Amino acid sequence: MARMNRPAPVEVTYREMRFLITHNPNNTTLNKFIEELKQYSVTTVVRVCEVTYDKSPLEREGISVI
């Protein structure tokens, strides 16, 4: 299977808020996704795309998913 290149996360800051725009992971790429989130100290993920992964691993890492 060909490897897909994903764009790097983009951080947007507005006043006291920080947003991290990322690709939509799947269960295969979820561990890498979690590591990226940790690098940015993410505490909450807001899904705006179709659900493509199990949120349990994120919640075990202390990241809430809404």
N, C-alpha and C. Protein backbone atom coordinates (compact mmCIF):
# COMPACT_ATOMS: atom_id res chain seq x y z
N MET A 1 0.84 -1.17 0.00
CA MET A 1 0.00 0.00 0.00
C MET A 1 0.90 1.24 0.00
N ALA A 2 0.56 2.22 -0.80
CA ALA A 2 1.32 3.46 -0.86
C ALA A 2 1.10 4.27 0.42
N ARG A 3 2.17 4.89 0.87
CA ARG A 3 2.08 5.72 2.07
C ARG A 3 1.56 7.10 1.69
N MET A 4 0.59 7.59 2.46
CA MET A 4 0.03 8.90 2.20
C MET A 4 0.79 9.95 2.99
N ASN A 5 1.13 11.04 2.34
CA ASN A 5 1.74 12.16 3.05
C ASN A 5 0.64 13.01 3.64
N ARG A 6 0.75 13.28 4.90
CA ARG A 6 -0.23 14.11 5.59
C ARG A 6 0.38 15.48 5.85
N PRO A 7 -0.41 16.53 5.74
CA PRO A 7 0.12 17.86 6.06
C PRO A 7 0.47 17.95 7.54
N ALA A 8 1.46 18.77 7.85
CA ALA A 8 1.85 18.99 9.24
C ALA A 8 0.75 19.73 9.98
N PRO A 9 0.63 19.51 11.28
CA PRO A 9 -0.36 20.27 12.06
C PRO A 9 -0.06 21.77 12.00
N VAL A 10 -1.12 22.56 12.06
CA VAL A 10 -0.99 24.02 12.05
C VAL A 10 -1.61 24.55 13.33
N GLU A 11 -0.84 25.35 14.06
CA GLU A 11 -1.34 25.94 15.30
C GLU A 11 -1.82 27.37 15.03
N VAL A 12 -3.03 27.66 15.50
CA VAL A 12 -3.61 28.99 15.36
C VAL A 12 -3.88 29.52 16.77
N THR A 13 -3.42 30.72 17.04
CA THR A 13 -3.62 31.34 18.35
C THR A 13 -4.48 32.58 18.20
N TYR A 14 -5.48 32.69 19.06
CA TYR A 14 -6.34 33.87 19.08
C TYR A 14 -6.58 34.24 20.53
N ARG A 15 -6.04 35.37 20.94
CA ARG A 15 -6.10 35.82 22.33
C ARG A 15 -5.55 34.73 23.24
N GLU A 16 -6.34 34.21 24.15
CA GLU A 16 -5.86 33.18 25.08
C GLU A 16 -6.19 31.76 24.60
N MET A 17 -6.67 31.63 23.38
CA MET A 17 -7.06 30.32 22.87
C MET A 17 -6.05 29.81 21.85
N ARG A 18 -5.86 28.49 21.85
CA ARG A 18 -4.97 27.85 20.87
C ARG A 18 -5.74 26.74 20.19
N PHE A 19 -5.61 26.67 18.88
CA PHE A 19 -6.26 25.64 18.08
C PHE A 19 -5.20 24.94 17.26
N LEU A 20 -5.33 23.63 17.15
CA LEU A 20 -4.41 22.85 16.34
C LEU A 20 -5.22 22.20 15.23
N ILE A 21 -4.92 22.57 14.00
CA ILE A 21 -5.61 22.01 12.84
C ILE A 21 -4.78 20.83 12.34
N THR A 22 -5.40 19.65 12.27
CA THR A 22 -4.67 18.44 11.87
C THR A 22 -5.47 17.64 10.85
N HIS A 23 -4.81 16.62 10.34
CA HIS A 23 -5.48 15.66 9.45
C HIS A 23 -6.47 14.83 10.26
N ASN A 24 -7.32 14.12 9.58
CA ASN A 24 -8.28 13.23 10.23
C ASN A 24 -7.63 11.84 10.33
N PRO A 25 -7.25 11.40 11.53
CA PRO A 25 -6.57 10.11 11.65
C PRO A 25 -7.53 8.94 11.48
N ASN A 26 -6.94 7.76 11.38
CA ASN A 26 -7.72 6.52 11.42
C ASN A 26 -7.07 5.63 12.48
N ASN A 27 -7.61 4.46 12.71
CA ASN A 27 -7.07 3.60 13.76
C ASN A 27 -5.62 3.20 13.50
N THR A 28 -5.22 3.15 12.23
CA THR A 28 -3.84 2.79 11.89
C THR A 28 -2.87 3.91 12.25
N THR A 29 -3.28 5.15 12.08
CA THR A 29 -2.39 6.30 12.32
C THR A 29 -2.62 6.95 13.69
N LEU A 30 -3.46 6.34 14.50
CA LEU A 30 -3.87 6.96 15.77
C LEU A 30 -2.71 7.17 16.74
N ASN A 31 -1.80 6.22 16.87
CA ASN A 31 -0.68 6.39 17.81
C ASN A 31 0.18 7.58 17.44
N LYS A 32 0.48 7.76 16.17
CA LYS A 32 1.26 8.91 15.71
C LYS A 32 0.48 10.20 15.97
N PHE A 33 -0.82 10.17 15.74
CA PHE A 33 -1.68 11.32 15.98
C PHE A 33 -1.62 11.73 17.45
N ILE A 34 -1.71 10.77 18.35
CA ILE A 34 -1.65 11.04 19.79
C ILE A 34 -0.31 11.68 20.15
N GLU A 35 0.78 11.17 19.59
CA GLU A 35 2.09 11.75 19.86
C GLU A 35 2.16 13.20 19.40
N GLU A 36 1.58 13.50 18.23
CA GLU A 36 1.54 14.88 17.75
C GLU A 36 0.74 15.77 18.71
N LEU A 37 -0.40 15.27 19.17
CA LEU A 37 -1.22 16.04 20.10
C LEU A 37 -0.46 16.34 21.39
N LYS A 38 0.27 15.36 21.89
CA LYS A 38 1.04 15.54 23.12
C LYS A 38 2.12 16.61 22.94
N GLN A 39 2.73 16.67 21.76
CA GLN A 39 3.78 17.67 21.51
C GLN A 39 3.23 19.08 21.65
N TYR A 40 1.95 19.25 21.38
CA TYR A 40 1.31 20.56 21.46
C TYR A 40 0.50 20.73 22.75
N SER A 41 0.59 19.78 23.66
CA SER A 41 -0.13 19.82 24.95
C SER A 41 -1.64 19.94 24.76
N VAL A 42 -2.17 19.22 23.79
CA VAL A 42 -3.61 19.23 23.51
C VAL A 42 -4.36 18.54 24.64
N THR A 43 -5.48 19.14 25.07
CA THR A 43 -6.31 18.54 26.11
C THR A 43 -7.69 18.14 25.60
N THR A 44 -8.12 18.72 24.48
CA THR A 44 -9.45 18.45 23.93
C THR A 44 -9.37 18.37 22.41
N VAL A 45 -10.01 17.36 21.85
CA VAL A 45 -10.14 17.22 20.40
C VAL A 45 -11.60 17.43 20.04
N VAL A 46 -11.85 18.30 19.08
CA VAL A 46 -13.20 18.53 18.58
C VAL A 46 -13.27 17.92 17.19
N ARG A 47 -14.08 16.90 17.05
CA ARG A 47 -14.22 16.26 15.74
C ARG A 47 -15.12 17.11 14.84
N VAL A 48 -14.62 17.42 13.66
CA VAL A 48 -15.43 18.15 12.69
C VAL A 48 -15.56 17.37 11.39
N CYS A 49 -15.01 16.16 11.38
CA CYS A 49 -15.09 15.27 10.22
C CYS A 49 -15.81 13.99 10.64
N GLU A 50 -16.06 13.17 9.69
CA GLU A 50 -16.65 11.86 9.94
C GLU A 50 -15.76 11.07 10.90
N VAL A 51 -16.35 10.31 11.80
CA VAL A 51 -15.60 9.52 12.77
C VAL A 51 -14.84 8.41 12.04
N THR A 52 -13.51 8.40 12.21
CA THR A 52 -12.67 7.41 11.54
C THR A 52 -11.76 6.66 12.50
N TYR A 53 -11.91 6.91 13.81
CA TYR A 53 -11.03 6.26 14.78
C TYR A 53 -11.74 6.11 16.12
N ASP A 54 -11.23 5.18 16.91
CA ASP A 54 -11.73 4.92 18.26
C ASP A 54 -11.16 5.99 19.19
N LYS A 55 -12.01 6.69 19.92
CA LYS A 55 -11.54 7.76 20.80
C LYS A 55 -10.96 7.26 22.12
N SER A 56 -11.16 6.00 22.45
CA SER A 56 -10.69 5.46 23.74
C SER A 56 -9.20 5.66 23.99
N PRO A 57 -8.31 5.42 23.01
CA PRO A 57 -6.88 5.65 23.28
C PRO A 57 -6.56 7.10 23.64
N LEU A 58 -7.26 8.06 23.04
CA LEU A 58 -7.04 9.46 23.38
C LEU A 58 -7.48 9.73 24.82
N GLU A 59 -8.65 9.22 25.17
CA GLU A 59 -9.17 9.43 26.52
C GLU A 59 -8.26 8.80 27.57
N ARG A 60 -7.65 7.65 27.25
CA ARG A 60 -6.70 7.03 28.18
C ARG A 60 -5.47 7.90 28.39
N GLU A 61 -5.17 8.74 27.41
CA GLU A 61 -4.03 9.66 27.51
C GLU A 61 -4.43 11.01 28.11
N GLY A 62 -5.69 11.12 28.56
CA GLY A 62 -6.15 12.35 29.19
C GLY A 62 -6.63 13.41 28.21
N ILE A 63 -6.89 13.01 26.97
CA ILE A 63 -7.37 13.94 25.94
C ILE A 63 -8.85 13.66 25.73
N SER A 64 -9.69 14.66 26.00
CA SER A 64 -11.13 14.46 25.80
C SER A 64 -11.49 14.67 24.33
N VAL A 65 -12.51 13.95 23.88
CA VAL A 65 -12.95 14.02 22.49
C VAL A 65 -14.43 14.39 22.47
N ILE A 66 -14.74 15.49 21.78
CA ILE A 66 -16.14 15.91 21.67
C ILE A 66 -16.50 16.09 20.21
